[in-house]
């Protein structure tokens, strides 16, 4: 998950057309990066991007590439992004009512990744212990922290990716 930090405050002073222009540029960057990495599914929800990659290495390298491009776009507006990565099992498929269905992914893995992203400050990228243990590409990481995530009984270990 990646979310624009400061977007709500920024949007207060801008016309809806300016918000749409910025988000469309942001989405286009994401689609370009995802085309070069093994992304199974992605979706945009306002200023948040969720992507499911085939493996943690692709997730890390793809997200770092997207972060840099998004940062180049957003810093001109005084904005930045926060990122959270987690790996594990999930289920994908059609969800919804008999009248309206949509294709999505759900599960504890998705919820945990979203919670990790929410704890990230502007310009920060955090990964779970599960991601760190699965990586074959090397990336400098900060020291481990045990954190509590909203709605979870068990704490998890996370690492800040040094950017």
C-alpha atoms as a PDB file:
ATOM      1  CA  UNK A   1       0.000   0.000   0.000  1.00  0.00           C
ATOM      2  CA  UNK A   2       1.114   3.531  -0.776  1.00  0.00           C
ATOM      3  CA  UNK A   3      -0.764   6.651   0.280  1.00  0.00           C
ATOM      4  CA  UNK A   4      -0.125  10.347  -0.305  1.00  0.00           C
ATOM      5  CA  UNK A   5       0.733  12.126   2.948  1.00  0.00           C
ATOM      6  CA  UNK A   6      -0.795  15.595   3.290  1.00  0.00           C
ATOM      7  CA  UNK A   7      -3.286  15.087   0.455  1.00  0.00           C
ATOM      8  CA  UNK A   8      -6.402  15.915   2.473  1.00  0.00           C
ATOM      9  CA  UNK A   9      -4.950  19.221   3.681  1.00  0.00           C
ATOM     10  CA  UNK A  10      -3.642  20.028   0.196  1.00  0.00           C
ATOM     11  CA  UNK A  11      -7.013  19.241  -1.388  1.00  0.00           C
ATOM     12  CA  UNK A  12      -8.752  21.712   0.941  1.00  0.00           C
ATOM     13  CA  UNK A  13      -7.285  24.625  -0.984  1.00  0.00           C
ATOM     14  CA  UNK A  14      -7.624  23.267  -4.509  1.00  0.00           C
ATOM     15  CA  UNK A  15     -10.461  22.826  -6.962  1.00  0.00           C
ATOM     16  CA  UNK A  16     -11.702  19.283  -7.636  1.00  0.00           C
ATOM     17  CA  UNK A  17     -10.231  19.527 -11.150  1.00  0.00           C
ATOM     18  CA  UNK A  18      -6.744  20.092  -9.677  1.00  0.00           C
ATOM     19  CA  UNK A  19      -7.176  17.037  -7.445  1.00  0.00           C
ATOM     20  CA  UNK A  20      -8.275  14.941 -10.409  1.00  0.00           C
ATOM     21  CA  UNK A  21      -5.298  16.138 -12.489  1.00  0.00           C
ATOM     22  CA  UNK A  22      -2.821  15.276  -9.744  1.00  0.00           C
ATOM     23  CA  UNK A  23      -4.382  11.879  -9.032  1.00  0.00           C
ATOM     24  CA  UNK A  24      -4.496  10.997 -12.732  1.00  0.00           C
ATOM     25  CA  UNK A  25      -0.761  11.777 -13.017  1.00  0.00           C
ATOM     26  CA  UNK A  26      -0.113   9.699  -9.881  1.00  0.00           C
ATOM     27  CA  UNK A  27      -2.157   6.783 -11.259  1.00  0.00           C
ATOM     28  CA  UNK A  28      -0.392   6.969 -14.646  1.00  0.00           C
ATOM     29  CA  UNK A  29       2.994   6.741 -12.902  1.00  0.00           C
ATOM     30  CA  UNK A  30       1.802   3.672 -11.009  1.00  0.00           C
ATOM     31  CA  UNK A  31       0.532   1.945 -14.139  1.00  0.00           C
ATOM     32  CA  UNK A  32       3.841   2.589 -15.921  1.00  0.00           C
ATOM     33  CA  UNK A  33       5.875   1.125 -13.051  1.00  0.00           C
ATOM     34  CA  UNK A  34       3.521  -1.834 -12.579  1.00  0.00           C
ATOM     35  CA  UNK A  35       3.869  -2.720 -16.275  1.00  0.00           C
ATOM     36  CA  UNK A  36       7.606  -3.341 -15.628  1.00  0.00           C
ATOM     37  CA  UNK A  37       7.083  -5.482 -12.522  1.00  0.00           C
ATOM     38  CA  UNK A  38       5.081  -8.618 -11.861  1.00  0.00           C
ATOM     39  CA  UNK A  39       1.891  -7.082 -10.494  1.00  0.00           C
ATOM     40  CA  UNK A  40      -1.084  -9.427 -10.203  1.00  0.00           C
ATOM     41  CA  UNK A  41      -3.623  -6.775  -9.262  1.00  0.00           C
ATOM     42  CA  UNK A  42      -3.677  -3.119  -8.353  1.00  0.00           C
ATOM     43  CA  UNK A  43      -6.349  -0.638  -7.454  1.00  0.00           C
ATOM     44  CA  UNK A  44      -6.642   3.044  -6.724  1.00  0.00           C
ATOM     45  CA  UNK A  45      -8.799   4.382  -3.909  1.00  0.00           C
ATOM     46  CA  UNK A  46      -8.566   8.171  -3.863  1.00  0.00           C
ATOM     47  CA  UNK A  47      -4.897   8.883  -3.004  1.00  0.00           C
ATOM     48  CA  UNK A  48      -4.099   5.308  -1.973  1.00  0.00           C
ATOM     49  CA  UNK A  49      -2.637   2.614  -4.216  1.00  0.00           C
ATOM     50  CA  UNK A  50      -2.791  -1.074  -3.413  1.00  0.00           C
ATOM     51  CA  UNK A  51      -0.751  -3.539  -5.470  1.00  0.00           C
ATOM     52  CA  UNK A  52      -0.312  -7.289  -5.268  1.00  0.00           C
ATOM     53  CA  UNK A  53       3.034  -8.497  -6.602  1.00  0.00           C
ATOM     54  CA  UNK A  54       4.080 -12.065  -7.354  1.00  0.00           C
ATOM     55  CA  UNK A  55       6.917 -11.973  -4.838  1.00  0.00           C
ATOM     56  CA  UNK A  56       8.497  -9.706  -2.208  1.00  0.00           C
ATOM     57  CA  UNK A  57      11.523  -8.847  -4.401  1.00  0.00           C
ATOM     58  CA  UNK A  58       9.243  -7.485  -7.128  1.00  0.00           C
ATOM     59  CA  UNK A  59       7.206  -5.670  -4.493  1.00  0.00           C
ATOM     60  CA  UNK A  60      10.278  -3.983  -3.054  1.00  0.00           C
ATOM     61  CA  UNK A  61      11.917  -3.002  -6.339  1.00  0.00           C
ATOM     62  CA  UNK A  62       8.627  -1.960  -7.947  1.00  0.00           C
ATOM     63  CA  UNK A  63       7.547   0.066  -4.954  1.00  0.00           C
ATOM     64  CA  UNK A  64      10.926   1.806  -4.694  1.00  0.00           C
ATOM     65  CA  UNK A  65      10.702   2.777  -8.382  1.00  0.00           C
ATOM     66  CA  UNK A  66       7.154   4.041  -7.933  1.00  0.00           C
ATOM     67  CA  UNK A  67       8.084   5.911  -4.775  1.00  0.00           C
ATOM     68  CA  UNK A  68      10.844   7.821  -6.547  1.00  0.00           C
ATOM     69  CA  UNK A  69       8.637   8.817  -9.474  1.00  0.00           C
ATOM     70  CA  UNK A  70       5.709   9.730  -7.213  1.00  0.00           C
ATOM     71  CA  UNK A  71       8.032  11.742  -5.008  1.00  0.00           C
ATOM     72  CA  UNK A  72       9.284  13.734  -8.021  1.00  0.00           C
ATOM     73  CA  UNK A  73       5.670  14.587  -8.864  1.00  0.00           C
ATOM     74  CA  UNK A  74       4.383  15.203  -5.343  1.00  0.00           C
ATOM     75  CA  UNK A  75       7.216  17.192  -3.782  1.00  0.00           C
ATOM     76  CA  UNK A  76       6.407  20.078  -6.116  1.00  0.00           C
ATOM     77  CA  UNK A  77       3.109  20.285  -4.207  1.00  0.00           C
ATOM     78  CA  UNK A  78       4.662  19.803  -0.758  1.00  0.00           C
ATOM     79  CA  UNK A  79       3.387  16.209  -0.572  1.00  0.00           C
ATOM     80  CA  UNK A  80       5.038  12.820  -0.080  1.00  0.00           C
ATOM     81  CA  UNK A  81       4.014   9.183   0.309  1.00  0.00           C
ATOM     82  CA  UNK A  82       3.976   6.569   3.059  1.00  0.00           C
ATOM     83  CA  UNK A  83       4.437   2.901   2.113  1.00  0.00           C
ATOM     84  CA  UNK A  84       3.815  -0.438   3.822  1.00  0.00           C
ATOM     85  CA  UNK A  85       4.646  -3.918   2.502  1.00  0.00           C
ATOM     86  CA  UNK A  86       3.632  -7.310   3.831  1.00  0.00           C
ATOM     87  CA  UNK A  87       3.591 -10.786   2.302  1.00  0.00           C
ATOM     88  CA  UNK A  88       1.450 -13.834   2.893  1.00  0.00           C
ATOM     89  CA  UNK A  89      -1.671 -15.647   1.846  1.00  0.00           C
ATOM     90  CA  UNK A  90      -4.754 -13.879   0.549  1.00  0.00           C
ATOM     91  CA  UNK A  91      -7.805 -14.696  -1.479  1.00  0.00           C
ATOM     92  CA  UNK A  92      -8.772 -13.032  -4.724  1.00  0.00           C
ATOM     93  CA  UNK A  93     -12.001 -13.117  -6.600  1.00  0.00           C
ATOM     94  CA  UNK A  94     -15.399 -11.587  -7.115  1.00  0.00           C
ATOM     95  CA  UNK A  95     -16.908 -10.029  -4.009  1.00  0.00           C
ATOM     96  CA  UNK A  96     -20.144  -8.206  -3.459  1.00  0.00           C
ATOM     97  CA  UNK A  97     -23.866  -8.624  -3.614  1.00  0.00           C
ATOM     98  CA  UNK A  98     -25.896 -10.504  -6.219  1.00  0.00           C
ATOM     99  CA  UNK A  99     -26.517  -7.178  -8.008  1.00  0.00           C
ATOM    100  CA  UNK A 100     -22.999  -5.703  -7.900  1.00  0.00           C
ATOM    101  CA  UNK A 101     -19.706  -7.580  -7.833  1.00  0.00           C
ATOM    102  CA  UNK A 102     -16.110  -6.406  -8.009  1.00  0.00           C
ATOM    103  CA  UNK A 103     -12.795  -8.230  -8.271  1.00  0.00           C
ATOM    104  CA  UNK A 104     -10.585  -7.735  -5.217  1.00  0.00           C
ATOM    105  CA  UNK A 105      -8.194  -9.326  -2.740  1.00  0.00           C
ATOM    106  CA  UNK A 106      -8.881  -9.837   0.951  1.00  0.00           C
ATOM    107  CA  UNK A 107      -7.330 -11.454   3.990  1.00  0.00           C
ATOM    108  CA  UNK A 108      -5.101 -10.783   6.961  1.00  0.00           C
ATOM    109  CA  UNK A 109      -2.147 -10.153   4.623  1.00  0.00           C
ATOM    110  CA  UNK A 110      -4.002  -7.295   2.937  1.00  0.00           C
ATOM    111  CA  UNK A 111      -5.166  -5.835   6.254  1.00  0.00           C
ATOM    112  CA  UNK A 112      -1.672  -6.035   7.741  1.00  0.00           C
ATOM    113  CA  UNK A 113      -0.036  -4.354   4.741  1.00  0.00           C
ATOM    114  CA  UNK A 114      -2.584  -1.550   4.980  1.00  0.00           C
ATOM    115  CA  UNK A 115      -1.961  -1.084   8.707  1.00  0.00           C
ATOM    116  CA  UNK A 116       1.814  -0.970   8.151  1.00  0.00           C
ATOM    117  CA  UNK A 117       1.337   1.694   5.460  1.00  0.00           C
ATOM    118  CA  UNK A 118      -0.786   3.784   7.818  1.00  0.00           C
ATOM    119  CA  UNK A 119       2.027   3.923  10.376  1.00  0.00           C
ATOM    120  CA  UNK A 120       4.527   5.220   7.783  1.00  0.00           C
ATOM    121  CA  UNK A 121       5.251   8.929   7.890  1.00  0.00           C
ATOM    122  CA  UNK A 122       5.883  11.108   4.837  1.00  0.00           C
ATOM    123  CA  UNK A 123       8.727   9.614   2.811  1.00  0.00           C
ATOM    124  CA  UNK A 124       8.847   6.433   4.905  1.00  0.00           C
ATOM    125  CA  UNK A 125       8.664   2.839   3.737  1.00  0.00           C
ATOM    126  CA  UNK A 126       8.136   0.016   6.231  1.00  0.00           C
ATOM    127  CA  UNK A 127       8.234  -3.722   5.582  1.00  0.00           C
ATOM    128  CA  UNK A 128       7.167  -6.614   7.768  1.00  0.00           C
ATOM    129  CA  UNK A 129       9.482  -9.316   9.071  1.00  0.00           C
ATOM    130  CA  UNK A 130       7.793 -11.695   6.607  1.00  0.00           C
ATOM    131  CA  UNK A 131       8.896  -9.490   3.695  1.00  0.00           C
ATOM    132  CA  UNK A 132      12.439  -9.065   5.071  1.00  0.00           C
ATOM    133  CA  UNK A 133      12.829 -12.822   5.506  1.00  0.00           C
ATOM    134  CA  UNK A 134      11.650 -13.472   1.924  1.00  0.00           C
ATOM    135  CA  UNK A 135      13.884 -10.952   0.136  1.00  0.00           C
ATOM    136  CA  UNK A 136      16.743 -12.093  -2.057  1.00  0.00           C
ATOM    137  CA  UNK A 137      17.601  -8.540  -3.162  1.00  0.00           C
ATOM    138  CA  UNK A 138      19.617  -6.628  -0.597  1.00  0.00           C
ATOM    139  CA  UNK A 139      18.391  -3.294   0.692  1.00  0.00           C
ATOM    140  CA  UNK A 140      19.642  -1.392   3.763  1.00  0.00           C
ATOM    141  CA  UNK A 141      17.104  -1.594   6.566  1.00  0.00           C
ATOM    142  CA  UNK A 142      16.755   0.217   9.857  1.00  0.00           C
ATOM    143  CA  UNK A 143      16.618  -1.714  13.105  1.00  0.00           C
ATOM    144  CA  UNK A 144      13.630  -3.874  13.841  1.00  0.00           C
ATOM    145  CA  UNK A 145      10.706  -2.516  15.817  1.00  0.00           C
ATOM    146  CA  UNK A 146       7.889  -4.447  17.456  1.00  0.00           C
ATOM    147  CA  UNK A 147       4.654  -2.596  16.789  1.00  0.00           C
ATOM    148  CA  UNK A 148       0.988  -2.956  17.579  1.00  0.00           C
ATOM    149  CA  UNK A 149      -1.389  -2.560  14.678  1.00  0.00           C
ATOM    150  CA  UNK A 150      -4.995  -1.481  15.036  1.00  0.00           C
ATOM    151  CA  UNK A 151      -7.300  -4.481  15.279  1.00  0.00           C
ATOM    152  CA  UNK A 152      -4.525  -7.074  15.760  1.00  0.00           C
ATOM    153  CA  UNK A 153      -3.830  -8.929  18.986  1.00  0.00           C
ATOM    154  CA  UNK A 154      -0.266  -9.900  18.093  1.00  0.00           C
ATOM    155  CA  UNK A 155       2.479  -7.335  17.633  1.00  0.00           C
ATOM    156  CA  UNK A 156       4.544  -7.634  14.471  1.00  0.00           C
ATOM    157  CA  UNK A 157       8.157  -6.837  13.691  1.00  0.00           C
ATOM    158  CA  UNK A 158       8.770  -4.190  11.019  1.00  0.00           C
ATOM    159  CA  UNK A 159      11.815  -2.593   9.429  1.00  0.00           C
ATOM    160  CA  UNK A 160      12.171   0.830   7.880  1.00  0.00           C
ATOM    161  CA  UNK A 161      13.686   0.667   4.390  1.00  0.00           C
ATOM    162  CA  UNK A 162      16.577   3.107   4.139  1.00  0.00           C
ATOM    163  CA  UNK A 163      15.883   5.271   1.124  1.00  0.00           C
END
